[in-house]
Each structure stands twice: as structure tokens, then as C-alpha cells.
Amino acid sequence: MALHSLEIIPGIEQSSREGKTYEMKTTFERPRALPKGYLKKSEFADFTADQEAALV
């Protein structure tokens, strides 16, 4: 996912320079969501349920 994100930067520059759409070369699979309650079991135990839901 990081490589895919980094490809966007030169892609935007190339697209603006050439005046055409840049076609991404990299792909990635979206990672699975963290299990419900994960943050409550971690070092970030001060999160409320609403704050945890906002991360999903």
C-alpha cells in the first residue's frame, strides 16, 4: 500500500506535465479491518467506542 501511495506523487506531476491521465502501475489489497475491541486491548486503552469506530 505504501508503494502504491508513493506512486501517486510522480503520477500527479507526470499527468500535469503531459496533460493526460496517469494510469497507476502498482496495485495492493486492502488490509482487513482491525477486530472490534482491538484498541481497548492495546497500549491505546484510553480510546472510547466512538473514537474506535471513527478509525474504521
PDB file of N, CA and C in Angstrom:
ATOM      1  N   MET A   1       0.831  -1.175   0.000  1.00  0.00           N
ATOM      2  CA  MET A   1       0.000   0.000   0.000  1.00  0.00           C
ATOM      3  C   MET A   1       0.887   1.254   0.000  1.00  0.00           C
ATOM      4  N   ALA A   2       2.005   1.205   0.696  1.00  0.00           N
ATOM      5  CA  ALA A   2       2.902   2.362   0.732  1.00  0.00           C
ATOM      6  C   ALA A   2       3.467   2.655  -0.662  1.00  0.00           C
ATOM      7  N   LEU A   3       3.893   1.632  -1.370  1.00  0.00           N
ATOM      8  CA  LEU A   3       4.425   1.826  -2.719  1.00  0.00           C
ATOM      9  C   LEU A   3       3.355   2.426  -3.629  1.00  0.00           C
ATOM     10  N   HIS A   4       2.147   1.935  -3.520  1.00  0.00           N
ATOM     11  CA  HIS A   4       1.029   2.444  -4.317  1.00  0.00           C
ATOM     12  C   HIS A   4       0.797   3.928  -4.003  1.00  0.00           C
ATOM     13  N   SER A   5       0.842   4.269  -2.723  1.00  0.00           N
ATOM     14  CA  SER A   5       0.660   5.661  -2.311  1.00  0.00           C
ATOM     15  C   SER A   5       1.779   6.548  -2.827  1.00  0.00           C
ATOM     16  N   LEU A   6       3.004   6.058  -2.777  1.00  0.00           N
ATOM     17  CA  LEU A   6       4.140   6.843  -3.257  1.00  0.00           C
ATOM     18  C   LEU A   6       4.117   7.035  -4.773  1.00  0.00           C
ATOM     19  N   GLU A   7       3.536   6.099  -5.490  1.00  0.00           N
ATOM     20  CA  GLU A   7       3.450   6.230  -6.946  1.00  0.00           C
ATOM     21  C   GLU A   7       2.575   7.420  -7.345  1.00  0.00           C
ATOM     22  N   ILE A   8       1.659   7.804  -6.502  1.00  0.00           N
ATOM     23  CA  ILE A   8       0.751   8.910  -6.797  1.00  0.00           C
ATOM     24  C   ILE A   8       1.513  10.219  -7.009  1.00  0.00           C
ATOM     25  N   ILE A   9       2.561  10.454  -6.231  1.00  0.00           N
ATOM     26  CA  ILE A   9       3.284  11.728  -6.287  1.00  0.00           C
ATOM     27  C   ILE A   9       3.864  12.000  -7.677  1.00  0.00           C
ATOM     28  N   PRO A  10       4.719  11.134  -8.220  1.00  0.00           N
ATOM     29  CA  PRO A  10       5.210  11.410  -9.572  1.00  0.00           C
ATOM     30  C   PRO A  10       4.112  11.269 -10.624  1.00  0.00           C
ATOM     31  N   GLY A  11       3.080  10.470 -10.331  1.00  0.00           N
ATOM     32  CA  GLY A  11       1.971  10.322 -11.268  1.00  0.00           C
ATOM     33  C   GLY A  11       1.220  11.628 -11.466  1.00  0.00           C
ATOM     34  N   ILE A  12       1.006  12.361 -10.394  1.00  0.00           N
ATOM     35  CA  ILE A  12       0.338  13.664 -10.483  1.00  0.00           C
ATOM     36  C   ILE A  12       1.197  14.627 -11.287  1.00  0.00           C
ATOM     37  N   GLU A  13       2.502  14.618 -11.007  1.00  0.00           N
ATOM     38  CA  GLU A  13       3.420  15.511 -11.727  1.00  0.00           C
ATOM     39  C   GLU A  13       3.441  15.187 -13.223  1.00  0.00           C
ATOM     40  N   GLN A  14       3.534  13.917 -13.551  1.00  0.00           N
ATOM     41  CA  GLN A  14       3.550  13.488 -14.953  1.00  0.00           C
ATOM     42  C   GLN A  14       2.239  13.837 -15.643  1.00  0.00           C
ATOM     43  N   SER A  15       1.138  13.614 -14.956  1.00  0.00           N
ATOM     44  CA  SER A  15      -0.171  13.906 -15.517  1.00  0.00           C
ATOM     45  C   SER A  15      -0.322  15.395 -15.827  1.00  0.00           C
ATOM     46  N   SER A  16       0.134  16.235 -14.917  1.00  0.00           N
ATOM     47  CA  SER A  16       0.003  17.677 -15.155  1.00  0.00           C
ATOM     48  C   SER A  16       0.950  18.143 -16.260  1.00  0.00           C
ATOM     49  N   ARG A  17       2.124  17.535 -16.340  1.00  0.00           N
ATOM     50  CA  ARG A  17       3.097  17.915 -17.375  1.00  0.00           C
ATOM     51  C   ARG A  17       2.617  17.505 -18.763  1.00  0.00           C
ATOM     52  N   GLU A  18       2.067  16.297 -18.872  1.00  0.00           N
ATOM     53  CA  GLU A  18       1.656  15.764 -20.177  1.00  0.00           C
ATOM     54  C   GLU A  18       0.208  16.091 -20.533  1.00  0.00           C
ATOM     55  N   GLY A  19      -0.564  16.535 -19.554  1.00  0.00           N
ATOM     56  CA  GLY A  19      -1.965  16.875 -19.808  1.00  0.00           C
ATOM     57  C   GLY A  19      -2.854  15.674 -20.050  1.00  0.00           C
ATOM     58  N   LYS A  20      -2.451  14.503 -19.547  1.00  0.00           N
ATOM     59  CA  LYS A  20      -3.318  13.333 -19.679  1.00  0.00           C
ATOM     60  C   LYS A  20      -3.338  12.544 -18.381  1.00  0.00           C
ATOM     61  N   THR A  21      -4.301  11.661 -18.288  1.00  0.00           N
ATOM     62  CA  THR A  21      -4.486  10.872 -17.078  1.00  0.00           C
ATOM     63  C   THR A  21      -3.323   9.902 -16.881  1.00  0.00           C
ATOM     64  N   TYR A  22      -2.830   9.829 -15.654  1.00  0.00           N
ATOM     65  CA  TYR A  22      -1.780   8.871 -15.318  1.00  0.00           C
ATOM     66  C   TYR A  22      -2.438   7.562 -14.902  1.00  0.00           C
ATOM     67  N   GLU A  23      -1.979   6.462 -15.465  1.00  0.00           N
ATOM     68  CA  GLU A  23      -2.514   5.152 -15.106  1.00  0.00           C
ATOM     69  C   GLU A  23      -1.572   4.485 -14.117  1.00  0.00           C
ATOM     70  N   MET A  24      -2.091   4.183 -12.941  1.00  0.00           N
ATOM     71  CA  MET A  24      -1.285   3.569 -11.888  1.00  0.00           C
ATOM     72  C   MET A  24      -0.753   2.211 -12.349  1.00  0.00           C
ATOM     73  N   LYS A  25       0.485   1.914 -12.007  1.00  0.00           N
ATOM     74  CA  LYS A  25       1.126   0.642 -12.361  1.00  0.00           C
ATOM     75  C   LYS A  25       1.058  -0.364 -11.208  1.00  0.00           C
ATOM     76  N   THR A  26       1.069   0.145  -9.973  1.00  0.00           N
ATOM     77  CA  THR A  26       1.054  -0.731  -8.805  1.00  0.00           C
ATOM     78  C   THR A  26      -0.370  -0.988  -8.347  1.00  0.00           C
ATOM     79  N   THR A  27      -0.547  -2.062  -7.609  1.00  0.00           N
ATOM     80  CA  THR A  27      -1.830  -2.401  -7.000  1.00  0.00           C
ATOM     81  C   THR A  27      -1.564  -2.837  -5.563  1.00  0.00           C
ATOM     82  N   PHE A  28      -2.621  -2.967  -4.805  1.00  0.00           N
ATOM     83  CA  PHE A  28      -2.496  -3.522  -3.458  1.00  0.00           C
ATOM     84  C   PHE A  28      -3.841  -4.054  -3.023  1.00  0.00           C
ATOM     85  N   GLU A  29      -3.809  -4.954  -2.057  1.00  0.00           N
ATOM     86  CA  GLU A  29      -5.044  -5.457  -1.465  1.00  0.00           C
ATOM     87  C   GLU A  29      -5.295  -4.692  -0.190  1.00  0.00           C
ATOM     88  N   ARG A  30      -6.526  -4.240  -0.034  1.00  0.00           N
ATOM     89  CA  ARG A  30      -6.873  -3.520   1.187  1.00  0.00           C
ATOM     90  C   ARG A  30      -6.724  -4.467   2.382  1.00  0.00           C
ATOM     91  N   PRO A  31      -6.021  -4.026   3.419  1.00  0.00           N
ATOM     92  CA  PRO A  31      -5.862  -4.904   4.583  1.00  0.00           C
ATOM     93  C   PRO A  31      -7.191  -5.066   5.324  1.00  0.00           C
ATOM     94  N   ARG A  32      -7.301  -6.175   6.026  1.00  0.00           N
ATOM     95  CA  ARG A  32      -8.513  -6.410   6.819  1.00  0.00           C
ATOM     96  C   ARG A  32      -8.596  -5.371   7.929  1.00  0.00           C
ATOM     97  N   ALA A  33      -9.807  -5.047   8.336  1.00  0.00           N
ATOM     98  CA  ALA A  33     -10.014  -4.112   9.444  1.00  0.00           C
ATOM     99  C   ALA A  33      -9.534  -4.768  10.742  1.00  0.00           C
ATOM    100  N   LEU A  34      -9.120  -3.940  11.684  1.00  0.00           N
ATOM    101  CA  LEU A  34      -8.739  -4.463  12.991  1.00  0.00           C
ATOM    102  C   LEU A  34      -9.985  -5.015  13.676  1.00  0.00           C
ATOM    103  N   PRO A  35      -9.826  -6.066  14.476  1.00  0.00           N
ATOM    104  CA  PRO A  35     -11.001  -6.631  15.136  1.00  0.00           C
ATOM    105  C   PRO A  35     -11.602  -5.641  16.130  1.00  0.00           C
ATOM    106  N   LYS A  36     -12.920  -5.701  16.291  1.00  0.00           N
ATOM    107  CA  LYS A  36     -13.610  -4.828  17.237  1.00  0.00           C
ATOM    108  C   LYS A  36     -13.015  -5.025  18.635  1.00  0.00           C
ATOM    109  N   GLY A  37     -12.738  -3.934  19.319  1.00  0.00           N
ATOM    110  CA  GLY A  37     -12.154  -4.005  20.657  1.00  0.00           C
ATOM    111  C   GLY A  37     -10.644  -4.054  20.661  1.00  0.00           C
ATOM    112  N   TYR A  38     -10.002  -4.050  19.507  1.00  0.00           N
ATOM    113  CA  TYR A  38      -8.544  -4.152  19.420  1.00  0.00           C
ATOM    114  C   TYR A  38      -7.844  -3.069  20.228  1.00  0.00           C
ATOM    115  N   LEU A  39      -8.309  -1.834  20.076  1.00  0.00           N
ATOM    116  CA  LEU A  39      -7.638  -0.734  20.767  1.00  0.00           C
ATOM    117  C   LEU A  39      -7.799  -0.814  22.277  1.00  0.00           C
ATOM    118  N   LYS A  40      -8.890  -1.376  22.733  1.00  0.00           N
ATOM    119  CA  LYS A  40      -9.096  -1.498  24.172  1.00  0.00           C
ATOM    120  C   LYS A  40      -8.111  -2.485  24.798  1.00  0.00           C
ATOM    121  N   LYS A  41      -7.552  -3.364  23.983  1.00  0.00           N
ATOM    122  CA  LYS A  41      -6.616  -4.366  24.483  1.00  0.00           C
ATOM    123  C   LYS A  41      -5.162  -3.947  24.255  1.00  0.00           C
ATOM    124  N   SER A  42      -4.954  -2.764  23.706  1.00  0.00           N
ATOM    125  CA  SER A  42      -3.606  -2.338  23.366  1.00  0.00           C
ATOM    126  C   SER A  42      -3.134  -1.226  24.286  1.00  0.00           C
ATOM    127  N   GLU A  43      -1.998  -0.642  23.952  1.00  0.00           N
ATOM    128  CA  GLU A  43      -1.444   0.456  24.745  1.00  0.00           C
ATOM    129  C   GLU A  43      -2.269   1.724  24.612  1.00  0.00           C
ATOM    130  N   PHE A  44      -3.207   1.762  23.683  1.00  0.00           N
ATOM    131  CA  PHE A  44      -4.056   2.932  23.474  1.00  0.00           C
ATOM    132  C   PHE A  44      -5.408   2.733  24.159  1.00  0.00           C
ATOM    133  N   ALA A  45      -5.404   2.221  25.360  1.00  0.00           N
ATOM    134  CA  ALA A  45      -6.626   1.824  26.050  1.00  0.00           C
ATOM    135  C   ALA A  45      -7.533   2.990  26.405  1.00  0.00           C
ATOM    136  N   ASP A  46      -7.123   4.234  26.208  1.00  0.00           N
ATOM    137  CA  ASP A  46      -7.959   5.373  26.563  1.00  0.00           C
ATOM    138  C   ASP A  46      -8.984   5.725  25.489  1.00  0.00           C
ATOM    139  N   PHE A  47      -9.025   5.004  24.389  1.00  0.00           N
ATOM    140  CA  PHE A  47      -9.976   5.271  23.317  1.00  0.00           C
ATOM    141  C   PHE A  47     -11.387   4.907  23.762  1.00  0.00           C
ATOM    142  N   THR A  48     -12.359   5.699  23.340  1.00  0.00           N
ATOM    143  CA  THR A  48     -13.761   5.355  23.581  1.00  0.00           C
ATOM    144  C   THR A  48     -14.271   4.580  22.375  1.00  0.00           C
ATOM    145  N   ALA A  49     -15.457   3.999  22.491  1.00  0.00           N
ATOM    146  CA  ALA A  49     -16.023   3.236  21.377  1.00  0.00           C
ATOM    147  C   ALA A  49     -16.225   4.118  20.160  1.00  0.00           C
ATOM    148  N   ASP A  50     -16.638   5.378  20.360  1.00  0.00           N
ATOM    149  CA  ASP A  50     -16.839   6.284  19.241  1.00  0.00           C
ATOM    150  C   ASP A  50     -15.526   6.595  18.519  1.00  0.00           C
ATOM    151  N   GLN A  51     -14.480   6.801  19.281  1.00  0.00           N
ATOM    152  CA  GLN A  51     -13.178   7.072  18.665  1.00  0.00           C
ATOM    153  C   GLN A  51     -12.682   5.856  17.900  1.00  0.00           C
ATOM    154  N   GLU A  52     -12.907   4.677  18.431  1.00  0.00           N
ATOM    155  CA  GLU A  52     -12.508   3.451  17.761  1.00  0.00           C
ATOM    156  C   GLU A  52     -13.288   3.281  16.460  1.00  0.00           C
ATOM    157  N   ALA A  53     -14.572   3.548  16.471  1.00  0.00           N
ATOM    158  CA  ALA A  53     -15.408   3.414  15.273  1.00  0.00           C
ATOM    159  C   ALA A  53     -14.969   4.393  14.196  1.00  0.00           C
ATOM    160  N   ALA A  54     -14.460   5.550  14.580  1.00  0.00           N
ATOM    161  CA  ALA A  54     -14.025   6.554  13.613  1.00  0.00           C
ATOM    162  C   ALA A  54     -12.792   6.097  12.851  1.00  0.00           C
ATOM    163  N   LEU A  55     -12.038   5.155  13.382  1.00  0.00           N
ATOM    164  CA  LEU A  55     -10.825   4.660  12.726  1.00  0.00           C
ATOM    165  C   LEU A  55     -11.128   3.644  11.641  1.00  0.00           C
ATOM    166  N   VAL A  56     -12.322   3.092  11.626  1.00  0.00           N
ATOM    167  CA  VAL A  56     -12.669   2.052  10.664  1.00  0.00           C
ATOM    168  C   VAL A  56     -13.115   2.648   9.358  1.00  0.00           C
TER     169      VAL A  56
END
